[in-house]
Amino acid sequence: MQKVYIATFFTFWFVCNINAQSQEKINLDSLVNAVVKLEKEVYEVQLNLHQSQKQLKTGIFVATLGYTVTIIGGQLLGTRPELGEALLYTGGAIGIAGTVVLVKGFNKISLGPPRKPKYY
């Protein structure tokens, strides 16, 4: 009779141990999946930032150049009105084009509002 109790005890212990290991594996797998998902999201954000960096720098340069030409055109209105007027219009157009490039660069960075994690 005592052998039956001992055999039942070890059988029960063995089944519980196998069940605990499978639950631990499931929890570990979900943790690994969460880390992989976070790494993927961070990579996407870094890729967006890297791709938009050149576009933002170009937009800043073009807008600055355009508005500088506009200022020079304004200065020349008193002494050489025809050239000053042409530079005003040309510089304004270049500045607006640079601003459009900047806005497109910022739109590339924007991913929308952040999603609320499931854990809260």
PDB file of N, CA and C in Angstrom:
ATOM      1  N   MET A   1       0.809  -1.182   0.000  1.00  0.00           N
ATOM      2  CA  MET A   1       0.000   0.000   0.000  1.00  0.00           C
ATOM      3  C   MET A   1       0.864   1.264   0.000  1.00  0.00           C
ATOM      4  N   GLN A   2       1.958   1.201   0.771  1.00  0.00           N
ATOM      5  CA  GLN A   2       2.844   2.340   0.854  1.00  0.00           C
ATOM      6  C   GLN A   2       3.501   2.607  -0.503  1.00  0.00           C
ATOM      7  N   LYS A   3       3.779   1.549  -1.264  1.00  0.00           N
ATOM      8  CA  LYS A   3       4.363   1.709  -2.594  1.00  0.00           C
ATOM      9  C   LYS A   3       3.387   2.423  -3.530  1.00  0.00           C
ATOM     10  N   VAL A   4       2.098   2.179  -3.363  1.00  0.00           N
ATOM     11  CA  VAL A   4       1.084   2.827  -4.192  1.00  0.00           C
ATOM     12  C   VAL A   4       1.059   4.324  -3.891  1.00  0.00           C
ATOM     13  N   TYR A   5       1.143   4.678  -2.606  1.00  0.00           N
ATOM     14  CA  TYR A   5       1.170   6.093  -2.235  1.00  0.00           C
ATOM     15  C   TYR A   5       2.415   6.803  -2.789  1.00  0.00           C
ATOM     16  N   ILE A   6       3.536   6.120  -2.681  1.00  0.00           N
ATOM     17  CA  ILE A   6       4.778   6.709  -3.187  1.00  0.00           C
ATOM     18  C   ILE A   6       4.704   6.859  -4.705  1.00  0.00           C
ATOM     19  N   ALA A   7       4.203   5.852  -5.395  1.00  0.00           N
ATOM     20  CA  ALA A   7       4.088   5.918  -6.855  1.00  0.00           C
ATOM     21  C   ALA A   7       3.103   7.017  -7.264  1.00  0.00           C
ATOM     22  N   THR A   8       2.000   7.149  -6.535  1.00  0.00           N
ATOM     23  CA  THR A   8       1.027   8.197  -6.829  1.00  0.00           C
ATOM     24  C   THR A   8       1.643   9.574  -6.598  1.00  0.00           C
ATOM     25  N   PHE A   9       2.387   9.718  -5.520  1.00  0.00           N
ATOM     26  CA  PHE A   9       3.030  10.990  -5.213  1.00  0.00           C
ATOM     27  C   PHE A   9       3.993  11.399  -6.324  1.00  0.00           C
ATOM     28  N   PHE A  10       4.867  10.472  -6.742  1.00  0.00           N
ATOM     29  CA  PHE A  10       5.835  10.800  -7.795  1.00  0.00           C
ATOM     30  C   PHE A  10       5.153  11.057  -9.137  1.00  0.00           C
ATOM     31  N   THR A  11       4.093  10.323  -9.409  1.00  0.00           N
ATOM     32  CA  THR A  11       3.340  10.569 -10.650  1.00  0.00           C
ATOM     33  C   THR A  11       2.722  11.961 -10.618  1.00  0.00           C
ATOM     34  N   PHE A  12       2.095  12.312  -9.486  1.00  0.00           N
ATOM     35  CA  PHE A  12       1.499  13.640  -9.331  1.00  0.00           C
ATOM     36  C   PHE A  12       2.567  14.736  -9.455  1.00  0.00           C
ATOM     37  N   TRP A  13       3.712  14.533  -8.778  1.00  0.00           N
ATOM     38  CA  TRP A  13       4.792  15.510  -8.826  1.00  0.00           C
ATOM     39  C   TRP A  13       5.317  15.672 -10.252  1.00  0.00           C
ATOM     40  N   PHE A  14       5.466  14.547 -10.984  1.00  0.00           N
ATOM     41  CA  PHE A  14       5.971  14.586 -12.355  1.00  0.00           C
ATOM     42  C   PHE A  14       5.010  15.348 -13.271  1.00  0.00           C
ATOM     43  N   VAL A  15       3.718  15.116 -13.145  1.00  0.00           N
ATOM     44  CA  VAL A  15       2.721  15.807 -13.970  1.00  0.00           C
ATOM     45  C   VAL A  15       2.712  17.301 -13.648  1.00  0.00           C
ATOM     46  N   CYS A  16       2.777  17.662 -12.388  1.00  0.00           N
ATOM     47  CA  CYS A  16       2.806  19.080 -12.002  1.00  0.00           C
ATOM     48  C   CYS A  16       4.069  19.769 -12.519  1.00  0.00           C
ATOM     49  N   ASN A  17       5.183  19.066 -12.467  1.00  0.00           N
ATOM     50  CA  ASN A  17       6.445  19.640 -12.927  1.00  0.00           C
ATOM     51  C   ASN A  17       6.405  19.890 -14.436  1.00  0.00           C
ATOM     52  N   ILE A  18       5.855  18.970 -15.197  1.00  0.00           N
ATOM     53  CA  ILE A  18       5.746  19.149 -16.650  1.00  0.00           C
ATOM     54  C   ILE A  18       4.819  20.319 -16.959  1.00  0.00           C
ATOM     55  N   ASN A  19       3.703  20.434 -16.253  1.00  0.00           N
ATOM     56  CA  ASN A  19       2.757  21.531 -16.474  1.00  0.00           C
ATOM     57  C   ASN A  19       3.395  22.881 -16.146  1.00  0.00           C
ATOM     58  N   ALA A  20       4.167  22.953 -15.068  1.00  0.00           N
ATOM     59  CA  ALA A  20       4.827  24.199 -14.679  1.00  0.00           C
ATOM     60  C   ALA A  20       5.852  24.621 -15.732  1.00  0.00           C
ATOM     61  N   GLN A  21       6.582  23.657 -16.289  1.00  0.00           N
ATOM     62  CA  GLN A  21       7.564  23.980 -17.323  1.00  0.00           C
ATOM     63  C   GLN A  21       6.885  24.496 -18.584  1.00  0.00           C
ATOM     64  N   SER A  22       5.752  23.912 -18.948  1.00  0.00           N
ATOM     65  CA  SER A  22       5.076  24.375 -20.168  1.00  0.00           C
ATOM     66  C   SER A  22       4.515  25.782 -19.969  1.00  0.00           C
ATOM     67  N   GLN A  23       4.007  26.109 -18.768  1.00  0.00           N
ATOM     68  CA  GLN A  23       3.537  27.464 -18.511  1.00  0.00           C
ATOM     69  C   GLN A  23       4.695  28.458 -18.509  1.00  0.00           C
ATOM     70  N   GLU A  24       5.818  28.051 -17.954  1.00  0.00           N
ATOM     71  CA  GLU A  24       6.985  28.932 -17.952  1.00  0.00           C
ATOM     72  C   GLU A  24       7.443  29.192 -19.384  1.00  0.00           C
ATOM     73  N   LYS A  25       7.386  28.182 -20.227  1.00  0.00           N
ATOM     74  CA  LYS A  25       7.782  28.346 -21.618  1.00  0.00           C
ATOM     75  C   LYS A  25       6.823  29.296 -22.336  1.00  0.00           C
ATOM     76  N   ILE A  26       5.539  29.192 -22.067  1.00  0.00           N
ATOM     77  CA  ILE A  26       4.566  30.087 -22.685  1.00  0.00           C
ATOM     78  C   ILE A  26       4.822  31.522 -22.250  1.00  0.00           C
ATOM     79  N   ASN A  27       5.056  31.747 -20.968  1.00  0.00           N
ATOM     80  CA  ASN A  27       5.340  33.095 -20.473  1.00  0.00           C
ATOM     81  C   ASN A  27       6.627  33.647 -21.078  1.00  0.00           C
ATOM     82  N   LEU A  28       7.637  32.801 -21.203  1.00  0.00           N
ATOM     83  CA  LEU A  28       8.899  33.224 -21.787  1.00  0.00           C
ATOM     84  C   LEU A  28       8.709  33.556 -23.263  1.00  0.00           C
ATOM     85  N   ASP A  29       7.915  32.760 -23.991  1.00  0.00           N
ATOM     86  CA  ASP A  29       7.654  33.035 -25.401  1.00  0.00           C
ATOM     87  C   ASP A  29       6.922  34.363 -25.582  1.00  0.00           C
ATOM     88  N   SER A  30       5.960  34.654 -24.724  1.00  0.00           N
ATOM     89  CA  SER A  30       5.236  35.917 -24.849  1.00  0.00           C
ATOM     90  C   SER A  30       6.158  37.094 -24.539  1.00  0.00           C
ATOM     91  N   LEU A  31       7.073  36.913 -23.614  1.00  0.00           N
ATOM     92  CA  LEU A  31       8.038  37.962 -23.303  1.00  0.00           C
ATOM     93  C   LEU A  31       8.978  38.194 -24.482  1.00  0.00           C
ATOM     94  N   VAL A  32       9.448  37.127 -25.083  1.00  0.00           N
ATOM     95  CA  VAL A  32      10.323  37.243 -26.252  1.00  0.00           C
ATOM     96  C   VAL A  32       9.572  37.926 -27.390  1.00  0.00           C
ATOM     97  N   ASN A  33       8.323  37.559 -27.610  1.00  0.00           N
ATOM     98  CA  ASN A  33       7.519  38.186 -28.665  1.00  0.00           C
ATOM     99  C   ASN A  33       7.344  39.680 -28.406  1.00  0.00           C
ATOM    100  N   ALA A  34       7.126  40.058 -27.149  1.00  0.00           N
ATOM    101  CA  ALA A  34       6.969  41.481 -26.816  1.00  0.00           C
ATOM    102  C   ALA A  34       8.264  42.245 -27.073  1.00  0.00           C
ATOM    103  N   VAL A  35       9.398  41.651 -26.732  1.00  0.00           N
ATOM    104  CA  VAL A  35      10.688  42.306 -26.968  1.00  0.00           C
ATOM    105  C   VAL A  35      10.945  42.437 -28.468  1.00  0.00           C
ATOM    106  N   VAL A  36      10.645  41.411 -29.235  1.00  0.00           N
ATOM    107  CA  VAL A  36      10.837  41.463 -30.683  1.00  0.00           C
ATOM    108  C   VAL A  36       9.941  42.538 -31.296  1.00  0.00           C
ATOM    109  N   LYS A  37       8.707  42.642 -30.815  1.00  0.00           N
ATOM    110  CA  LYS A  37       7.785  43.665 -31.317  1.00  0.00           C
ATOM    111  C   LYS A  37       8.314  45.070 -31.002  1.00  0.00           C
ATOM    112  N   LEU A  38       8.829  45.264 -29.785  1.00  0.00           N
ATOM    113  CA  LEU A  38       9.404  46.565 -29.415  1.00  0.00           C
ATOM    114  C   LEU A  38      10.621  46.899 -30.261  1.00  0.00           C
ATOM    115  N   GLU A  39      11.475  45.916 -30.501  1.00  0.00           N
ATOM    116  CA  GLU A  39      12.653  46.150 -31.337  1.00  0.00           C
ATOM    117  C   GLU A  39      12.245  46.540 -32.755  1.00  0.00           C
ATOM    118  N   LYS A  40      11.206  45.919 -33.268  1.00  0.00           N
ATOM    119  CA  LYS A  40      10.720  46.240 -34.615  1.00  0.00           C
ATOM    120  C   LYS A  40      10.181  47.672 -34.669  1.00  0.00           C
ATOM    121  N   GLU A  41       9.430  48.075 -33.663  1.00  0.00           N
ATOM    122  CA  GLU A  41       8.894  49.435 -33.623  1.00  0.00           C
ATOM    123  C   GLU A  41      10.017  50.467 -33.508  1.00  0.00           C
ATOM    124  N   VAL A  42      11.017  50.198 -32.681  1.00  0.00           N
ATOM    125  CA  VAL A  42      12.144  51.123 -32.539  1.00  0.00           C
ATOM    126  C   VAL A  42      12.901  51.228 -33.861  1.00  0.00           C
ATOM    127  N   TYR A  43      13.080  50.109 -34.558  1.00  0.00           N
ATOM    128  CA  TYR A  43      13.755  50.132 -35.859  1.00  0.00           C
ATOM    129  C   TYR A  43      12.980  50.981 -36.861  1.00  0.00           C
ATOM    130  N   GLU A  44      11.658  50.847 -36.881  1.00  0.00           N
ATOM    131  CA  GLU A  44      10.841  51.634 -37.801  1.00  0.00           C
ATOM    132  C   GLU A  44      10.958  53.132 -37.508  1.00  0.00           C
ATOM    133  N   VAL A  45      10.966  53.500 -36.230  1.00  0.00           N
ATOM    134  CA  VAL A  45      11.103  54.912 -35.862  1.00  0.00           C
ATOM    135  C   VAL A  45      12.480  55.432 -36.275  1.00  0.00           C
ATOM    136  N   GLN A  46      13.522  54.664 -36.011  1.00  0.00           N
ATOM    137  CA  GLN A  46      14.867  55.084 -36.388  1.00  0.00           C
ATOM    138  C   GLN A  46      15.005  55.193 -37.902  1.00  0.00           C
ATOM    139  N   LEU A  47      14.377  54.282 -38.645  1.00  0.00           N
ATOM    140  CA  LEU A  47      14.426  54.336 -40.106  1.00  0.00           C
ATOM    141  C   LEU A  47      13.719  55.581 -40.625  1.00  0.00           C
ATOM    142  N   ASN A  48      12.560  55.903 -40.064  1.00  0.00           N
ATOM    143  CA  ASN A  48      11.853  57.123 -40.465  1.00  0.00           C
ATOM    144  C   ASN A  48      12.682  58.367 -40.182  1.00  0.00           C
ATOM    145  N   LEU A  49      13.314  58.410 -39.026  1.00  0.00           N
ATOM    146  CA  LEU A  49      14.156  59.562 -38.679  1.00  0.00           C
ATOM    147  C   LEU A  49      15.342  59.685 -39.628  1.00  0.00           C
ATOM    148  N   HIS A  50      15.959  58.560 -39.940  1.00  0.00           N
ATOM    149  CA  HIS A  50      17.118  58.581 -40.829  1.00  0.00           C
ATOM    150  C   HIS A  50      16.722  59.027 -42.241  1.00  0.00           C
ATOM    151  N   GLN A  51      15.592  58.516 -42.734  1.00  0.00           N
ATOM    152  CA  GLN A  51      15.163  58.867 -44.086  1.00  0.00           C
ATOM    153  C   GLN A  51      14.738  60.329 -44.182  1.00  0.00           C
ATOM    154  N   SER A  52      14.178  60.870 -43.144  1.00  0.00           N
ATOM    155  CA  SER A  52      13.696  62.246 -43.204  1.00  0.00           C
ATOM    156  C   SER A  52      14.793  63.268 -42.918  1.00  0.00           C
ATOM    157  N   GLN A  53      15.922  62.831 -42.366  1.00  0.00           N
ATOM    158  CA  GLN A  53      16.985  63.764 -41.991  1.00  0.00           C
ATOM    159  C   GLN A  53      17.495  64.555 -43.195  1.00  0.00           C
ATOM    160  N   LYS A  54      17.782  63.877 -44.307  1.00  0.00           N
ATOM    161  CA  LYS A  54      18.305  64.567 -45.487  1.00  0.00           C
ATOM    162  C   LYS A  54      17.261  65.527 -46.062  1.00  0.00           C
ATOM    163  N   GLN A  55      16.006  65.077 -46.061  1.00  0.00           N
ATOM    164  CA  GLN A  55      14.934  65.926 -46.594  1.00  0.00           C
ATOM    165  C   GLN A  55      14.754  67.179 -45.736  1.00  0.00           C
ATOM    166  N   LEU A  56      14.861  67.048 -44.437  1.00  0.00           N
ATOM    167  CA  LEU A  56      14.735  68.209 -43.559  1.00  0.00           C
ATOM    168  C   LEU A  56      15.888  69.186 -43.761  1.00  0.00           C
ATOM    169  N   LYS A  57      17.096  68.651 -43.881  1.00  0.00           N
ATOM    170  CA  LYS A  57      18.245  69.527 -44.110  1.00  0.00           C
ATOM    171  C   LYS A  57      18.121  70.262 -45.440  1.00  0.00           C
ATOM    172  N   THR A  58      17.662  69.561 -46.481  1.00  0.00           N
ATOM    173  CA  THR A  58      17.467  70.193 -47.786  1.00  0.00           C
ATOM    174  C   THR A  58      16.414  71.279 -47.706  1.00  0.00           C
ATOM    175  N   GLY A  59      15.313  71.000 -47.011  1.00  0.00           N
ATOM    176  CA  GLY A  59      14.242  71.985 -46.863  1.00  0.00           C
ATOM    177  C   GLY A  59      14.708  73.232 -46.130  1.00  0.00           C
ATOM    178  N   ILE A  60      15.489  73.036 -45.081  1.00  0.00           N
ATOM    179  CA  ILE A  60      16.007  74.191 -44.332  1.00  0.00           C
ATOM    180  C   ILE A  60      16.925  75.034 -45.221  1.00  0.00           C
ATOM    181  N   PHE A  61      17.797  74.361 -45.966  1.00  0.00           N
ATOM    182  CA  PHE A  61      18.720  75.093 -46.842  1.00  0.00           C
ATOM    183  C   PHE A  61      17.968  75.874 -47.918  1.00  0.00           C
ATOM    184  N   VAL A  62      17.007  75.229 -48.588  1.00  0.00           N
ATOM    185  CA  VAL A  62      16.268  75.894 -49.673  1.00  0.00           C
ATOM    186  C   VAL A  62      15.433  77.051 -49.131  1.00  0.00           C
ATOM    187  N   ALA A  63      14.758  76.837 -48.004  1.00  0.00           N
ATOM    188  CA  ALA A  63      13.940  77.912 -47.426  1.00  0.00           C
ATOM    189  C   ALA A  63      14.817  79.086 -47.012  1.00  0.00           C
ATOM    190  N   THR A  64      15.951  78.817 -46.396  1.00  0.00           N
ATOM    191  CA  THR A  64      16.856  79.893 -45.987  1.00  0.00           C
ATOM    192  C   THR A  64      17.374  80.652 -47.202  1.00  0.00           C
ATOM    193  N   LEU A  65      17.741  79.934 -48.237  1.00  0.00           N
ATOM    194  CA  LEU A  65      18.213  80.575 -49.464  1.00  0.00           C
ATOM    195  C   LEU A  65      17.124  81.462 -50.074  1.00  0.00           C
ATOM    196  N   GLY A  66      15.914  80.940 -50.128  1.00  0.00           N
ATOM    197  CA  GLY A  66      14.805  81.704 -50.703  1.00  0.00           C
ATOM    198  C   GLY A  66      14.501  82.966 -49.935  1.00  0.00           C
ATOM    199  N   TYR A  67      14.452  82.871 -48.645  1.00  0.00           N
ATOM    200  CA  TYR A  67      14.125  84.058 -47.853  1.00  0.00           C
ATOM    201  C   TYR A  67      15.289  85.046 -47.814  1.00  0.00           C
ATOM    202  N   THR A  68      16.525  84.557 -47.983  1.00  0.00           N
ATOM    203  CA  THR A  68      17.669  85.462 -48.106  1.00  0.00           C
ATOM    204  C   THR A  68      17.575  86.266 -49.404  1.00  0.00           C
ATOM    205  N   VAL A  69      17.197  85.584 -50.484  1.00  0.00           N
ATOM    206  CA  VAL A  69      17.016  86.275 -51.767  1.00  0.00           C
ATOM    207  C   VAL A  69      15.895  87.302 -51.650  1.00  0.00           C
ATOM    208  N   THR A  70      14.837  86.968 -50.923  1.00  0.00           N
ATOM    209  CA  THR A  70      13.735  87.904 -50.717  1.00  0.00           C
ATOM    210  C   THR A  70      14.213  89.156 -49.976  1.00  0.00           C
ATOM    211  N   ILE A  71      15.023  88.976 -48.958  1.00  0.00           N
ATOM    212  CA  ILE A  71      15.547  90.124 -48.198  1.00  0.00           C
ATOM    213  C   ILE A  71      16.438  90.991 -49.087  1.00  0.00           C
ATOM    214  N   ILE A  72      17.278  90.343 -49.877  1.00  0.00           N
ATOM    215  CA  ILE A  72      18.137  91.114 -50.785  1.00  0.00           C
ATOM    216  C   ILE A  72      17.285  91.888 -51.789  1.00  0.00           C
ATOM    217  N   GLY A  73      16.233  91.252 -52.286  1.00  0.00           N
ATOM    218  CA  GLY A  73      15.325  91.934 -53.211  1.00  0.00           C
ATOM    219  C   GLY A  73      14.663  93.135 -52.561  1.00  0.00           C
ATOM    220  N   GLY A  74      14.272  93.009 -51.329  1.00  0.00           N
ATOM    221  CA  GLY A  74      13.669  94.131 -50.607  1.00  0.00           C
ATOM    222  C   GLY A  74      14.647  95.277 -50.420  1.00  0.00           C
ATOM    223  N   GLN A  75      15.901  94.946 -50.190  1.00  0.00           N
ATOM    224  CA  GLN A  75      16.920  95.978 -50.030  1.00  0.00           C
ATOM    225  C   GLN A  75      17.172  96.723 -51.346  1.00  0.00           C
ATOM    226  N   LEU A  76      17.045  95.998 -52.455  1.00  0.00           N
ATOM    227  CA  LEU A  76      17.322  96.606 -53.761  1.00  0.00           C
ATOM    228  C   LEU A  76      16.138  97.385 -54.331  1.00  0.00           C
ATOM    229  N   LEU A  77      14.994  97.347 -53.676  1.00  0.00           N
ATOM    230  CA  LEU A  77      13.822  98.057 -54.209  1.00  0.00           C
ATOM    231  C   LEU A  77      14.066  99.567 -54.305  1.00  0.00           C
ATOM    232  N   GLY A  78      14.825 100.106 -53.393  1.00  0.00           N
ATOM    233  CA  GLY A  78      15.069 101.556 -53.402  1.00  0.00           C
ATOM    234  C   GLY A  78      16.011 101.992 -54.495  1.00  0.00           C
ATOM    235  N   THR A  79      17.068 101.204 -54.761  1.00  0.00           N
ATOM    236  CA  THR A  79      18.078 101.635 -55.737  1.00  0.00           C
ATOM    237  C   THR A  79      17.835 101.048 -57.127  1.00  0.00           C
ATOM    238  N   ARG A  80      17.446  99.794 -57.189  1.00  0.00           N
ATOM    239  CA  ARG A  80      17.182  99.130 -58.481  1.00  0.00           C
ATOM    240  C   ARG A  80      15.850  98.404 -58.386  1.00  0.00           C
ATOM    241  N   PRO A  81      14.751  99.106 -58.599  1.00  0.00           N
ATOM    242  CA  PRO A  81      13.419  98.554 -58.354  1.00  0.00           C
ATOM    243  C   PRO A  81      13.077  97.324 -59.192  1.00  0.00           C
ATOM    244  N   GLU A  82      13.503  97.278 -60.444  1.00  0.00           N
ATOM    245  CA  GLU A  82      13.145  96.136 -61.291  1.00  0.00           C
ATOM    246  C   GLU A  82      13.823  94.861 -60.794  1.00  0.00           C
ATOM    247  N   LEU A  83      15.103  94.940 -60.512  1.00  0.00           N
ATOM    248  CA  LEU A  83      15.834  93.782 -59.990  1.00  0.00           C
ATOM    249  C   LEU A  83      15.313  93.390 -58.611  1.00  0.00           C
ATOM    250  N   GLY A  84      15.061  94.385 -57.775  1.00  0.00           N
ATOM    251  CA  GLY A  84      14.546  94.112 -56.434  1.00  0.00           C
ATOM    252  C   GLY A  84      13.210  93.395 -56.473  1.00  0.00           C
ATOM    253  N   GLU A  85      12.325  93.831 -57.377  1.00  0.00           N
ATOM    254  CA  GLU A  85      11.006  93.198 -57.487  1.00  0.00           C
ATOM    255  C   GLU A  85      11.139  91.762 -57.981  1.00  0.00           C
ATOM    256  N   ALA A  86      12.008  91.541 -58.957  1.00  0.00           N
ATOM    257  CA  ALA A  86      12.219  90.183 -59.466  1.00  0.00           C
ATOM    258  C   ALA A  86      12.783  89.274 -58.372  1.00  0.00           C
ATOM    259  N   LEU A  87      13.721  89.795 -57.605  1.00  0.00           N
ATOM    260  CA  LEU A  87      14.290  88.999 -56.513  1.00  0.00           C
ATOM    261  C   LEU A  87      13.269  88.730 -55.413  1.00  0.00           C
ATOM    262  N   LEU A  88      12.391  89.673 -55.147  1.00  0.00           N
ATOM    263  CA  LEU A  88      11.336  89.446 -54.155  1.00  0.00           C
ATOM    264  C   LEU A  88      10.461  88.271 -54.545  1.00  0.00           C
ATOM    265  N   TYR A  89      10.003  88.268 -55.778  1.00  0.00           N
ATOM    266  CA  TYR A  89       9.122  87.179 -56.229  1.00  0.00           C
ATOM    267  C   TYR A  89       9.867  85.846 -56.304  1.00  0.00           C
ATOM    268  N   THR A  90      11.080  85.892 -56.842  1.00  0.00           N
ATOM    269  CA  THR A  90      11.861  84.653 -56.966  1.00  0.00           C
ATOM    270  C   THR A  90      12.207  84.091 -55.591  1.00  0.00           C
ATOM    271  N   GLY A  91      12.667  84.934 -54.700  1.00  0.00           N
ATOM    272  CA  GLY A  91      13.012  84.483 -53.349  1.00  0.00           C
ATOM    273  C   GLY A  91      11.814  83.955 -52.593  1.00  0.00           C
ATOM    274  N   GLY A  92      10.681  84.609 -52.761  1.00  0.00           N
ATOM    275  CA  GLY A  92       9.461  84.113 -52.107  1.00  0.00           C
ATOM    276  C   GLY A  92       9.071  82.732 -52.605  1.00  0.00           C
ATOM    277  N   ALA A  93       9.177  82.533 -53.913  1.00  0.00           N
ATOM    278  CA  ALA A  93       8.835  81.215 -54.476  1.00  0.00           C
ATOM    279  C   ALA A  93       9.806  80.143 -53.985  1.00  0.00           C
ATOM    280  N   ILE A  94      11.094  80.466 -53.959  1.00  0.00           N
ATOM    281  CA  ILE A  94      12.088  79.500 -53.474  1.00  0.00           C
ATOM    282  C   ILE A  94      11.857  79.203 -51.992  1.00  0.00           C
ATOM    283  N   GLY A  95      11.554  80.226 -51.201  1.00  0.00           N
ATOM    284  CA  GLY A  95      11.287  80.025 -49.771  1.00  0.00           C
ATOM    285  C   GLY A  95      10.072  79.157 -49.527  1.00  0.00           C
ATOM    286  N   ILE A  96       9.012  79.369 -50.313  1.00  0.00           N
ATOM    287  CA  ILE A  96       7.803  78.537 -50.169  1.00  0.00           C
ATOM    288  C   ILE A  96       8.112  77.096 -50.558  1.00  0.00           C
ATOM    289  N   ALA A  97       8.895  76.902 -51.638  1.00  0.00           N
ATOM    290  CA  ALA A  97       9.267  75.542 -52.037  1.00  0.00           C
ATOM    291  C   ALA A  97      10.062  74.848 -50.932  1.00  0.00           C
ATOM    292  N   GLY A  98      10.983  75.575 -50.305  1.00  0.00           N
ATOM    293  CA  GLY A  98      11.746  74.997 -49.196  1.00  0.00           C
ATOM    294  C   GLY A  98      10.865  74.646 -48.014  1.00  0.00           C
ATOM    295  N   THR A  99       9.879  75.473 -47.752  1.00  0.00           N
ATOM    296  CA  THR A  99       8.947  75.185 -46.663  1.00  0.00           C
ATOM    297  C   THR A  99       8.122  73.940 -46.958  1.00  0.00           C
ATOM    298  N   VAL A 100       7.731  73.779 -48.210  1.00  0.00           N
ATOM    299  CA  VAL A 100       6.976  72.579 -48.602  1.00  0.00           C
ATOM    300  C   VAL A 100       7.838  71.330 -48.392  1.00  0.00           C
ATOM    301  N   VAL A 101       9.103  71.403 -48.754  1.00  0.00           N
ATOM    302  CA  VAL A 101      10.009  70.267 -48.534  1.00  0.00           C
ATOM    303  C   VAL A 101      10.136  69.972 -47.044  1.00  0.00           C
ATOM    304  N   LEU A 102      10.219  71.009 -46.220  1.00  0.00           N
ATOM    305  CA  LEU A 102      10.283  70.822 -44.768  1.00  0.00           C
ATOM    306  C   LEU A 102       9.038  70.139 -44.233  1.00  0.00           C
ATOM    307  N   VAL A 103       7.876  70.594 -44.676  1.00  0.00           N
ATOM    308  CA  VAL A 103       6.615  70.007 -44.198  1.00  0.00           C
ATOM    309  C   VAL A 103       6.537  68.537 -44.589  1.00  0.00           C
ATOM    310  N   LYS A 104       6.960  68.212 -45.809  1.00  0.00           N
ATOM    311  CA  LYS A 104       6.955  66.800 -46.223  1.00  0.00           C
ATOM    312  C   LYS A 104       7.907  65.970 -45.365  1.00  0.00           C
ATOM    313  N   GLY A 105       9.039  66.549 -44.998  1.00  0.00           N
ATOM    314  CA  GLY A 105       9.974  65.842 -44.128  1.00  0.00           C
ATOM    315  C   GLY A 105       9.394  65.592 -42.749  1.00  0.00           C
ATOM    316  N   PHE A 106       8.706  66.591 -42.201  1.00  0.00           N
ATOM    317  CA  PHE A 106       8.070  66.403 -40.892  1.00  0.00           C
ATOM    318  C   PHE A 106       6.926  65.408 -40.963  1.00  0.00           C
ATOM    319  N   ASN A 107       6.201  65.382 -42.074  1.00  0.00           N
ATOM    320  CA  ASN A 107       5.133  64.394 -42.231  1.00  0.00           C
ATOM    321  C   ASN A 107       5.692  62.989 -42.305  1.00  0.00           C
ATOM    322  N   LYS A 108       6.884  62.843 -42.846  1.00  0.00           N
ATOM    323  CA  LYS A 108       7.509  61.523 -42.920  1.00  0.00           C
ATOM    324  C   LYS A 108       7.873  61.025 -41.516  1.00  0.00           C
ATOM    325  N   ILE A 109       8.261  61.948 -40.647  1.00  0.00           N
ATOM    326  CA  ILE A 109       8.602  61.575 -39.270  1.00  0.00           C
ATOM    327  C   ILE A 109       7.352  61.176 -38.501  1.00  0.00           C
ATOM    328  N   SER A 110       6.263  61.886 -38.708  1.00  0.00           N
ATOM    329  CA  SER A 110       5.052  61.677 -37.921  1.00  0.00           C
ATOM    330  C   SER A 110       4.472  60.297 -38.178  1.00  0.00           C
ATOM    331  N   LEU A 111       4.222  59.573 -37.118  1.00  0.00           N
ATOM    332  CA  LEU A 111       3.614  58.252 -37.205  1.00  0.00           C
ATOM    333  C   LEU A 111       2.177  58.267 -36.727  1.00  0.00           C
ATOM    334  N   GLY A 112       1.690  59.411 -36.347  1.00  0.00           N
ATOM    335  CA  GLY A 112       0.348  59.508 -35.789  1.00  0.00           C
ATOM    336  C   GLY A 112       0.422  59.447 -34.276  1.00  0.00           C
ATOM    337  N   PRO A 113      -0.740  59.495 -33.642  1.00  0.00           N
ATOM    338  CA  PRO A 113      -0.735  59.448 -32.179  1.00  0.00           C
ATOM    339  C   PRO A 113      -0.278  58.075 -31.691  1.00  0.00           C
ATOM    340  N   PRO A 114       0.404  58.038 -30.568  1.00  0.00           N
ATOM    341  CA  PRO A 114       0.881  56.754 -30.054  1.00  0.00           C
ATOM    342  C   PRO A 114      -0.279  55.860 -29.630  1.00  0.00           C
ATOM    343  N   ARG A 115      -0.087  54.575 -29.850  1.00  0.00           N
ATOM    344  CA  ARG A 115      -1.100  53.613 -29.418  1.00  0.00           C
ATOM    345  C   ARG A 115      -0.903  53.274 -27.950  1.00  0.00           C
ATOM    346  N   LYS A 116      -2.008  53.124 -27.235  1.00  0.00           N
ATOM    347  CA  LYS A 116      -1.930  52.805 -25.809  1.00  0.00           C
ATOM    348  C   LYS A 116      -1.587  51.319 -25.664  1.00  0.00           C
ATOM    349  N   PRO A 117      -0.562  50.998 -24.863  1.00  0.00           N
ATOM    350  CA  PRO A 117      -0.192  49.598 -24.678  1.00  0.00           C
ATOM    351  C   PRO A 117      -1.316  48.800 -24.025  1.00  0.00           C
ATOM    352  N   LYS A 118      -1.308  47.506 -24.266  1.00  0.00           N
ATOM    353  CA  LYS A 118      -2.318  46.622 -23.709  1.00  0.00           C
ATOM    354  C   LYS A 118      -2.156  46.429 -22.201  1.00  0.00           C
ATOM    355  N   TYR A 119      -0.994  46.774 -21.678  1.00  0.00           N
ATOM    356  CA  TYR A 119      -0.685  46.468 -20.285  1.00  0.00           C
ATOM    357  C   TYR A 119      -1.307  47.433 -19.297  1.00  0.00           C
ATOM    358  N   TYR A 120      -1.864  48.551 -19.748  1.00  0.00           N
ATOM    359  CA  TYR A 120      -2.456  49.530 -18.829  1.00  0.00           C
ATOM    360  C   TYR A 120      -3.880  49.227 -18.561  1.00  0.00           C
TER     361      TYR A 120
END
